[in-house]
Amino acid sequence: MFILLLLAGNAFCQLSFQVLDLENKNPIANVLITNKRTKIDTRSDAQGNFNMDIDQVDTLLFSHPAYNFSVQYVYAGKHTLYLTPKVHKLQEVEVKSDMAKFREDSAFRQSVYHKTLHDAKQKPKAGFSNGVVVDGLFSSLANKISGKGKKNKEFVKQLAADDKERYLKVRYSKNLVERVTPLRGDSVQLFIDHFPVDYDFARNATDLEFDSWVRNNYKSWLGIK
């Protein structure tokens, strides 16, 4: 009698289960289910259903690429199981316009060359203990300071010219010409080269005024072509 009860106590049966999404309650297909005790595994079908040999209480492991790994206790009275979907946090991508990038870059350059820009605006100063002036010129120290000042001014002038050139390329871009006119390919650059824009106009014109300027030049371009 004792042996029969022991065997009956250890008996297991095959049960049917269904795996659902916890949020929308839809069935989940192709879930890998493993019985921790027996090491036997199976997969859910298109309707989320699967069969498994279960003892009175067994531990099942659930694995699916789109859902969090789950460990659940199952028994004869529990036939519906739920999995929690993984939360995929989209990486935030900041899309900056070319003009925004230009302004950011210009501000960075200003901060890097702040001292040079400041020194270029100052008049050369030299202190002389003896106040000697040779042949109407300052001492060699004054000449060195003056030379450094000239180099600074030349550098600042070059920096400003470079900023202007970069600004014009951003404001008067191929994308703008393609948006305002039917021109495409090499014709776009030829158009830009043929109709250079004045820097002051580019700086002060509104987007509407600039678009109108491009359109008017395109009409002239048609006459040339």
C-alpha atoms as a PDB file:
ATOM      1  CA  MET A   1       0.000   0.000   0.000  1.00  0.00           C
ATOM      2  CA  PHE A   2       2.823   2.399   0.897  1.00  0.00           C
ATOM      3  CA  ILE A   3       4.532   1.741  -2.441  1.00  0.00           C
ATOM      4  CA  LEU A   4       1.319   2.398  -4.373  1.00  0.00           C
ATOM      5  CA  LEU A   5       0.772   5.714  -2.578  1.00  0.00           C
ATOM      6  CA  LEU A   6       4.362   6.724  -3.258  1.00  0.00           C
ATOM      7  CA  LEU A   7       3.997   5.970  -6.936  1.00  0.00           C
ATOM      8  CA  ALA A   8       0.708   7.829  -7.063  1.00  0.00           C
ATOM      9  CA  GLY A   9       2.311  10.807  -5.335  1.00  0.00           C
ATOM     10  CA  ASN A  10       5.096  10.942  -7.908  1.00  0.00           C
ATOM     11  CA  ALA A  11       2.800  10.561 -10.912  1.00  0.00           C
ATOM     12  CA  PHE A  12       2.769  13.390 -13.465  1.00  0.00           C
ATOM     13  CA  CYS A  13       0.500  14.210 -16.361  1.00  0.00           C
ATOM     14  CA  GLN A  14       0.690  16.145 -19.602  1.00  0.00           C
ATOM     15  CA  LEU A  15      -1.046  19.496 -19.397  1.00  0.00           C
ATOM     16  CA  SER A  16      -1.872  22.148 -21.981  1.00  0.00           C
ATOM     17  CA  PHE A  17      -0.871  25.780 -21.477  1.00  0.00           C
ATOM     18  CA  GLN A  18      -1.099  29.048 -23.365  1.00  0.00           C
ATOM     19  CA  VAL A  19       1.422  31.902 -23.268  1.00  0.00           C
ATOM     20  CA  LEU A  20       0.051  35.437 -23.661  1.00  0.00           C
ATOM     21  CA  ASP A  21       1.466  38.940 -23.803  1.00  0.00           C
ATOM     22  CA  LEU A  22       0.844  40.565 -20.428  1.00  0.00           C
ATOM     23  CA  GLU A  23       0.002  43.960 -21.974  1.00  0.00           C
ATOM     24  CA  ASN A  24      -2.226  43.159 -24.947  1.00  0.00           C
ATOM     25  CA  LYS A  25      -3.176  39.560 -24.068  1.00  0.00           C
ATOM     26  CA  ASN A  26      -2.182  38.338 -27.542  1.00  0.00           C
ATOM     27  CA  PRO A  27      -0.764  34.809 -27.888  1.00  0.00           C
ATOM     28  CA  ILE A  28       3.018  34.552 -28.209  1.00  0.00           C
ATOM     29  CA  ALA A  29       4.429  32.096 -30.720  1.00  0.00           C
ATOM     30  CA  ASN A  30       7.827  30.391 -30.650  1.00  0.00           C
ATOM     31  CA  VAL A  31       8.457  30.786 -26.928  1.00  0.00           C
ATOM     32  CA  LEU A  32      11.087  28.347 -25.678  1.00  0.00           C
ATOM     33  CA  ILE A  33       9.777  26.602 -22.551  1.00  0.00           C
ATOM     34  CA  THR A  34      12.030  24.394 -20.433  1.00  0.00           C
ATOM     35  CA  ASN A  35      11.012  22.255 -17.486  1.00  0.00           C
ATOM     36  CA  LYS A  36      13.657  22.944 -14.868  1.00  0.00           C
ATOM     37  CA  ARG A  37      13.172  19.558 -13.224  1.00  0.00           C
ATOM     38  CA  THR A  38      13.201  17.294 -16.285  1.00  0.00           C
ATOM     39  CA  LYS A  39      15.304  19.547 -18.579  1.00  0.00           C
ATOM     40  CA  ILE A  40      12.780  18.836 -21.338  1.00  0.00           C
ATOM     41  CA  ASP A  41      11.893  21.785 -23.542  1.00  0.00           C
ATOM     42  CA  THR A  42       9.320  22.656 -26.164  1.00  0.00           C
ATOM     43  CA  ARG A  43       8.052  25.685 -28.073  1.00  0.00           C
ATOM     44  CA  SER A  44       4.684  27.407 -28.210  1.00  0.00           C
ATOM     45  CA  ASP A  45       2.730  27.280 -31.465  1.00  0.00           C
ATOM     46  CA  ALA A  46       1.181  30.180 -33.405  1.00  0.00           C
ATOM     47  CA  GLN A  47      -1.602  30.437 -30.817  1.00  0.00           C
ATOM     48  CA  GLY A  48       0.827  30.414 -27.897  1.00  0.00           C
ATOM     49  CA  ASN A  49      -0.177  26.863 -26.928  1.00  0.00           C
ATOM     50  CA  PHE A  50       2.154  24.110 -25.722  1.00  0.00           C
ATOM     51  CA  ASN A  51       1.978  20.808 -23.855  1.00  0.00           C
ATOM     52  CA  MET A  52       4.294  19.802 -21.035  1.00  0.00           C
ATOM     53  CA  ASP A  53       4.578  16.870 -18.633  1.00  0.00           C
ATOM     54  CA  ILE A  54       4.037  18.413 -15.228  1.00  0.00           C
ATOM     55  CA  ASP A  55       4.364  17.032 -11.726  1.00  0.00           C
ATOM     56  CA  GLN A  56       2.089  18.391  -9.012  1.00  0.00           C
ATOM     57  CA  VAL A  57       4.133  21.618  -9.088  1.00  0.00           C
ATOM     58  CA  ASP A  58       6.912  22.299 -11.572  1.00  0.00           C
ATOM     59  CA  THR A  59       9.113  25.235 -12.481  1.00  0.00           C
ATOM     60  CA  LEU A  60       9.135  26.327 -16.121  1.00  0.00           C
ATOM     61  CA  LEU A  61      11.625  28.666 -17.752  1.00  0.00           C
ATOM     62  CA  PHE A  62      10.353  30.929 -20.555  1.00  0.00           C
ATOM     63  CA  SER A  63      12.622  32.510 -23.140  1.00  0.00           C
ATOM     64  CA  HIS A  64      11.796  34.727 -26.136  1.00  0.00           C
ATOM     65  CA  PRO A  65      13.844  37.492 -27.862  1.00  0.00           C
ATOM     66  CA  ALA A  66      11.058  40.067 -27.509  1.00  0.00           C
ATOM     67  CA  TYR A  67      10.137  39.263 -23.899  1.00  0.00           C
ATOM     68  CA  ASN A  68      11.812  39.295 -20.518  1.00  0.00           C
ATOM     69  CA  PHE A  69      13.128  35.941 -19.347  1.00  0.00           C
ATOM     70  CA  SER A  70      10.628  34.427 -16.937  1.00  0.00           C
ATOM     71  CA  VAL A  71      10.581  31.687 -14.296  1.00  0.00           C
ATOM     72  CA  GLN A  72       7.093  30.504 -13.352  1.00  0.00           C
ATOM     73  CA  TYR A  73       5.616  27.807 -11.142  1.00  0.00           C
ATOM     74  CA  VAL A  74       2.900  25.784 -12.842  1.00  0.00           C
ATOM     75  CA  TYR A  75       0.375  23.273 -11.597  1.00  0.00           C
ATOM     76  CA  ALA A  76      -2.715  21.487 -12.819  1.00  0.00           C
ATOM     77  CA  GLY A  77      -5.054  24.420 -12.235  1.00  0.00           C
ATOM     78  CA  LYS A  78      -2.897  27.044 -13.951  1.00  0.00           C
ATOM     79  CA  HIS A  79      -3.144  26.963 -17.739  1.00  0.00           C
ATOM     80  CA  THR A  80      -2.605  30.585 -18.840  1.00  0.00           C
ATOM     81  CA  LEU A  81       0.840  32.121 -18.493  1.00  0.00           C
ATOM     82  CA  TYR A  82       1.971  35.688 -19.213  1.00  0.00           C
ATOM     83  CA  LEU A  83       5.234  37.205 -20.395  1.00  0.00           C
ATOM     84  CA  THR A  84       6.290  40.845 -20.106  1.00  0.00           C
ATOM     85  CA  PRO A  85       7.549  42.447 -23.339  1.00  0.00           C
ATOM     86  CA  LYS A  86      10.994  43.995 -23.315  1.00  0.00           C
ATOM     87  CA  VAL A  87      11.062  47.775 -23.341  1.00  0.00           C
ATOM     88  CA  HIS A  88      13.280  48.982 -26.169  1.00  0.00           C
ATOM     89  CA  LYS A  89      14.248  52.553 -25.358  1.00  0.00           C
ATOM     90  CA  LEU A  90      14.857  54.337 -28.598  1.00  0.00           C
ATOM     91  CA  GLN A  91      18.126  56.195 -28.661  1.00  0.00           C
ATOM     92  CA  GLU A  92      17.462  59.903 -28.759  1.00  0.00           C
ATOM     93  CA  VAL A  93      18.907  61.418 -31.885  1.00  0.00           C
ATOM     94  CA  GLU A  94      19.258  65.136 -32.092  1.00  0.00           C
ATOM     95  CA  VAL A  95      18.979  66.331 -35.656  1.00  0.00           C
ATOM     96  CA  LYS A  96      20.697  69.637 -36.132  1.00  0.00           C
ATOM     97  CA  SER A  97      20.399  71.856 -39.169  1.00  0.00           C
ATOM     98  CA  ASP A  98      23.534  72.853 -41.050  1.00  0.00           C
ATOM     99  CA  MET A  99      23.050  76.427 -39.831  1.00  0.00           C
ATOM    100  CA  ALA A 100      22.824  75.288 -36.209  1.00  0.00           C
ATOM    101  CA  LYS A 101      26.034  73.304 -36.660  1.00  0.00           C
ATOM    102  CA  PHE A 102      27.730  76.339 -38.200  1.00  0.00           C
ATOM    103  CA  ARG A 103      26.739  78.589 -35.287  1.00  0.00           C
ATOM    104  CA  GLU A 104      27.847  75.986 -32.778  1.00  0.00           C
ATOM    105  CA  ASP A 105      31.190  75.593 -34.528  1.00  0.00           C
ATOM    106  CA  SER A 106      31.690  79.360 -34.782  1.00  0.00           C
ATOM    107  CA  ALA A 107      30.984  79.790 -31.077  1.00  0.00           C
ATOM    108  CA  PHE A 108      33.503  77.060 -30.315  1.00  0.00           C
ATOM    109  CA  ARG A 109      36.157  78.727 -32.481  1.00  0.00           C
ATOM    110  CA  GLN A 110      35.476  82.051 -30.776  1.00  0.00           C
ATOM    111  CA  SER A 111      36.034  80.446 -27.383  1.00  0.00           C
ATOM    112  CA  VAL A 112      39.228  78.699 -28.519  1.00  0.00           C
ATOM    113  CA  TYR A 113      40.744  81.860 -30.022  1.00  0.00           C
ATOM    114  CA  HIS A 114      39.312  84.261 -27.455  1.00  0.00           C
ATOM    115  CA  LYS A 115      42.710  85.554 -26.303  1.00  0.00           C
ATOM    116  CA  THR A 116      43.988  86.041 -29.856  1.00  0.00           C
ATOM    117  CA  LEU A 117      40.817  87.882 -30.848  1.00  0.00           C
ATOM    118  CA  HIS A 118      41.057  90.066 -27.753  1.00  0.00           C
ATOM    119  CA  ASP A 119      44.754  90.861 -28.260  1.00  0.00           C
ATOM    120  CA  ALA A 120      44.176  91.769 -31.911  1.00  0.00           C
ATOM    121  CA  LYS A 121      41.804  94.544 -30.836  1.00  0.00           C
ATOM    122  CA  GLN A 122      44.336  96.068 -28.445  1.00  0.00           C
ATOM    123  CA  LYS A 123      46.902  98.667 -29.473  1.00  0.00           C
ATOM    124  CA  PRO A 124      50.509  97.567 -28.870  1.00  0.00           C
ATOM    125  CA  LYS A 125      51.818  98.826 -25.566  1.00  0.00           C
ATOM    126  CA  ALA A 126      55.436  98.899 -24.492  1.00  0.00           C
ATOM    127  CA  GLY A 127      57.010 100.220 -21.345  1.00  0.00           C
ATOM    128  CA  PHE A 128      60.569 101.481 -21.510  1.00  0.00           C
ATOM    129  CA  SER A 129      62.644 102.096 -18.456  1.00  0.00           C
ATOM    130  CA  ASN A 130      64.803 104.602 -20.280  1.00  0.00           C
ATOM    131  CA  GLY A 131      62.218 105.893 -22.763  1.00  0.00           C
ATOM    132  CA  VAL A 132      64.764 105.581 -25.586  1.00  0.00           C
ATOM    133  CA  VAL A 133      63.584 106.018 -29.159  1.00  0.00           C
ATOM    134  CA  VAL A 134      66.067 104.980 -31.840  1.00  0.00           C
ATOM    135  CA  ASP A 135      65.861 106.616 -35.289  1.00  0.00           C
ATOM    136  CA  GLY A 136      62.238 107.476 -34.692  1.00  0.00           C
ATOM    137  CA  LEU A 137      61.357 103.815 -34.029  1.00  0.00           C
ATOM    138  CA  PHE A 138      60.431 102.049 -30.846  1.00  0.00           C
ATOM    139  CA  SER A 139      62.896  99.717 -29.240  1.00  0.00           C
ATOM    140  CA  SER A 140      63.229  96.100 -30.402  1.00  0.00           C
ATOM    141  CA  LEU A 141      60.738  95.100 -27.704  1.00  0.00           C
ATOM    142  CA  ALA A 142      58.148  97.424 -29.181  1.00  0.00           C
ATOM    143  CA  ASN A 143      58.861  96.012 -32.632  1.00  0.00           C
ATOM    144  CA  LYS A 144      58.309  92.481 -31.349  1.00  0.00           C
ATOM    145  CA  ILE A 145      55.037  93.454 -29.709  1.00  0.00           C
ATOM    146  CA  SER A 146      53.948  95.280 -32.827  1.00  0.00           C
ATOM    147  CA  GLY A 147      54.882  92.278 -34.985  1.00  0.00           C
ATOM    148  CA  LYS A 148      52.871  89.955 -32.789  1.00  0.00           C
ATOM    149  CA  GLY A 149      49.927  92.324 -33.006  1.00  0.00           C
ATOM    150  CA  LYS A 150      50.106  92.302 -36.805  1.00  0.00           C
ATOM    151  CA  LYS A 151      50.158  88.512 -36.852  1.00  0.00           C
ATOM    152  CA  ASN A 152      47.158  88.425 -34.543  1.00  0.00           C
ATOM    153  CA  LYS A 153      45.256  90.839 -36.768  1.00  0.00           C
ATOM    154  CA  GLU A 154      46.126  88.827 -39.873  1.00  0.00           C
ATOM    155  CA  PHE A 155      44.954  85.663 -38.143  1.00  0.00           C
ATOM    156  CA  VAL A 156      41.698  87.296 -37.047  1.00  0.00           C
ATOM    157  CA  LYS A 157      41.149  88.581 -40.584  1.00  0.00           C
ATOM    158  CA  GLN A 158      41.706  85.076 -41.971  1.00  0.00           C
ATOM    159  CA  LEU A 159      39.398  83.604 -39.332  1.00  0.00           C
ATOM    160  CA  ALA A 160      36.664  86.073 -40.287  1.00  0.00           C
ATOM    161  CA  ALA A 161      37.118  85.306 -43.995  1.00  0.00           C
ATOM    162  CA  ASP A 162      36.888  81.585 -43.270  1.00  0.00           C
ATOM    163  CA  ASP A 163      33.715  82.134 -41.228  1.00  0.00           C
ATOM    164  CA  LYS A 164      32.158  84.083 -44.100  1.00  0.00           C
ATOM    165  CA  GLU A 165      33.005  81.367 -46.600  1.00  0.00           C
ATOM    166  CA  ARG A 166      31.575  78.644 -44.388  1.00  0.00           C
ATOM    167  CA  TYR A 167      28.446  80.689 -43.718  1.00  0.00           C
ATOM    168  CA  LEU A 168      27.811  81.233 -47.435  1.00  0.00           C
ATOM    169  CA  LYS A 169      28.172  77.512 -48.132  1.00  0.00           C
ATOM    170  CA  VAL A 170      25.620  76.764 -45.445  1.00  0.00           C
ATOM    171  CA  ARG A 171      23.144  79.504 -46.398  1.00  0.00           C
ATOM    172  CA  TYR A 172      23.544  79.124 -50.157  1.00  0.00           C
ATOM    173  CA  SER A 173      23.615  75.343 -50.280  1.00  0.00           C
ATOM    174  CA  LYS A 174      22.927  72.750 -52.951  1.00  0.00           C
ATOM    175  CA  ASN A 175      19.921  71.589 -50.949  1.00  0.00           C
ATOM    176  CA  LEU A 176      18.453  75.092 -51.109  1.00  0.00           C
ATOM    177  CA  VAL A 177      18.916  75.348 -54.877  1.00  0.00           C
ATOM    178  CA  GLU A 178      17.388  71.887 -55.385  1.00  0.00           C
ATOM    179  CA  ARG A 179      14.440  72.844 -53.185  1.00  0.00           C
ATOM    180  CA  VAL A 180      13.743  76.127 -54.981  1.00  0.00           C
ATOM    181  CA  THR A 181      14.616  75.117 -58.554  1.00  0.00           C
ATOM    182  CA  PRO A 182      14.401  71.966 -60.701  1.00  0.00           C
ATOM    183  CA  LEU A 183      18.199  71.875 -61.025  1.00  0.00           C
ATOM    184  CA  ARG A 184      19.947  68.642 -60.089  1.00  0.00           C
ATOM    185  CA  GLY A 185      23.392  67.091 -60.218  1.00  0.00           C
ATOM    186  CA  ASP A 186      26.363  69.085 -61.524  1.00  0.00           C
ATOM    187  CA  SER A 187      24.063  71.869 -62.729  1.00  0.00           C
ATOM    188  CA  VAL A 188      23.443  72.900 -59.123  1.00  0.00           C
ATOM    189  CA  GLN A 189      27.098  73.720 -58.432  1.00  0.00           C
ATOM    190  CA  LEU A 190      27.436  75.442 -61.817  1.00  0.00           C
ATOM    191  CA  PHE A 191      24.443  77.598 -60.905  1.00  0.00           C
ATOM    192  CA  ILE A 192      25.929  78.500 -57.508  1.00  0.00           C
ATOM    193  CA  ASP A 193      29.289  79.365 -59.073  1.00  0.00           C
ATOM    194  CA  HIS A 194      27.640  81.492 -61.766  1.00  0.00           C
ATOM    195  CA  PHE A 195      25.476  83.437 -59.290  1.00  0.00           C
ATOM    196  CA  PRO A 196      27.601  84.127 -56.193  1.00  0.00           C
ATOM    197  CA  VAL A 197      25.727  85.728 -53.332  1.00  0.00           C
ATOM    198  CA  ASP A 198      26.767  88.870 -51.495  1.00  0.00           C
ATOM    199  CA  TYR A 199      27.694  88.113 -47.893  1.00  0.00           C
ATOM    200  CA  ASP A 200      25.761  91.038 -46.384  1.00  0.00           C
ATOM    201  CA  PHE A 201      22.652  90.051 -48.333  1.00  0.00           C
ATOM    202  CA  ALA A 202      22.993  86.436 -47.234  1.00  0.00           C
ATOM    203  CA  ARG A 203      23.322  87.538 -43.614  1.00  0.00           C
ATOM    204  CA  ASN A 204      20.377  89.946 -43.611  1.00  0.00           C
ATOM    205  CA  ALA A 205      17.889  88.381 -46.034  1.00  0.00           C
ATOM    206  CA  THR A 206      14.923  86.428 -44.737  1.00  0.00           C
ATOM    207  CA  ASP A 207      14.398  82.880 -45.978  1.00  0.00           C
ATOM    208  CA  LEU A 208      11.612  84.147 -48.235  1.00  0.00           C
ATOM    209  CA  GLU A 209      13.835  86.872 -49.699  1.00  0.00           C
ATOM    210  CA  PHE A 210      16.680  84.440 -50.234  1.00  0.00           C
ATOM    211  CA  ASP A 211      14.415  81.913 -51.976  1.00  0.00           C
ATOM    212  CA  SER A 212      13.091  84.693 -54.204  1.00  0.00           C
ATOM    213  CA  TRP A 213      16.660  85.732 -55.065  1.00  0.00           C
ATOM    214  CA  VAL A 214      17.488  82.167 -56.110  1.00  0.00           C
ATOM    215  CA  ARG A 215      14.326  81.893 -58.222  1.00  0.00           C
ATOM    216  CA  ASN A 216      15.067  85.154 -60.028  1.00  0.00           C
ATOM    217  CA  ASN A 217      18.582  83.965 -60.789  1.00  0.00           C
ATOM    218  CA  TYR A 218      17.166  80.689 -62.049  1.00  0.00           C
ATOM    219  CA  LYS A 219      15.068  82.623 -64.573  1.00  0.00           C
ATOM    220  CA  SER A 220      18.255  84.322 -65.747  1.00  0.00           C
ATOM    221  CA  TRP A 221      19.935  80.922 -65.846  1.00  0.00           C
ATOM    222  CA  LEU A 222      17.257  79.629 -68.209  1.00  0.00           C
ATOM    223  CA  GLY A 223      17.983  82.563 -70.506  1.00  0.00           C
ATOM    224  CA  ILE A 224      21.685  81.727 -70.455  1.00  0.00           C
ATOM    225  CA  LYS A 225      21.110  78.054 -71.128  1.00  0.00           C
END
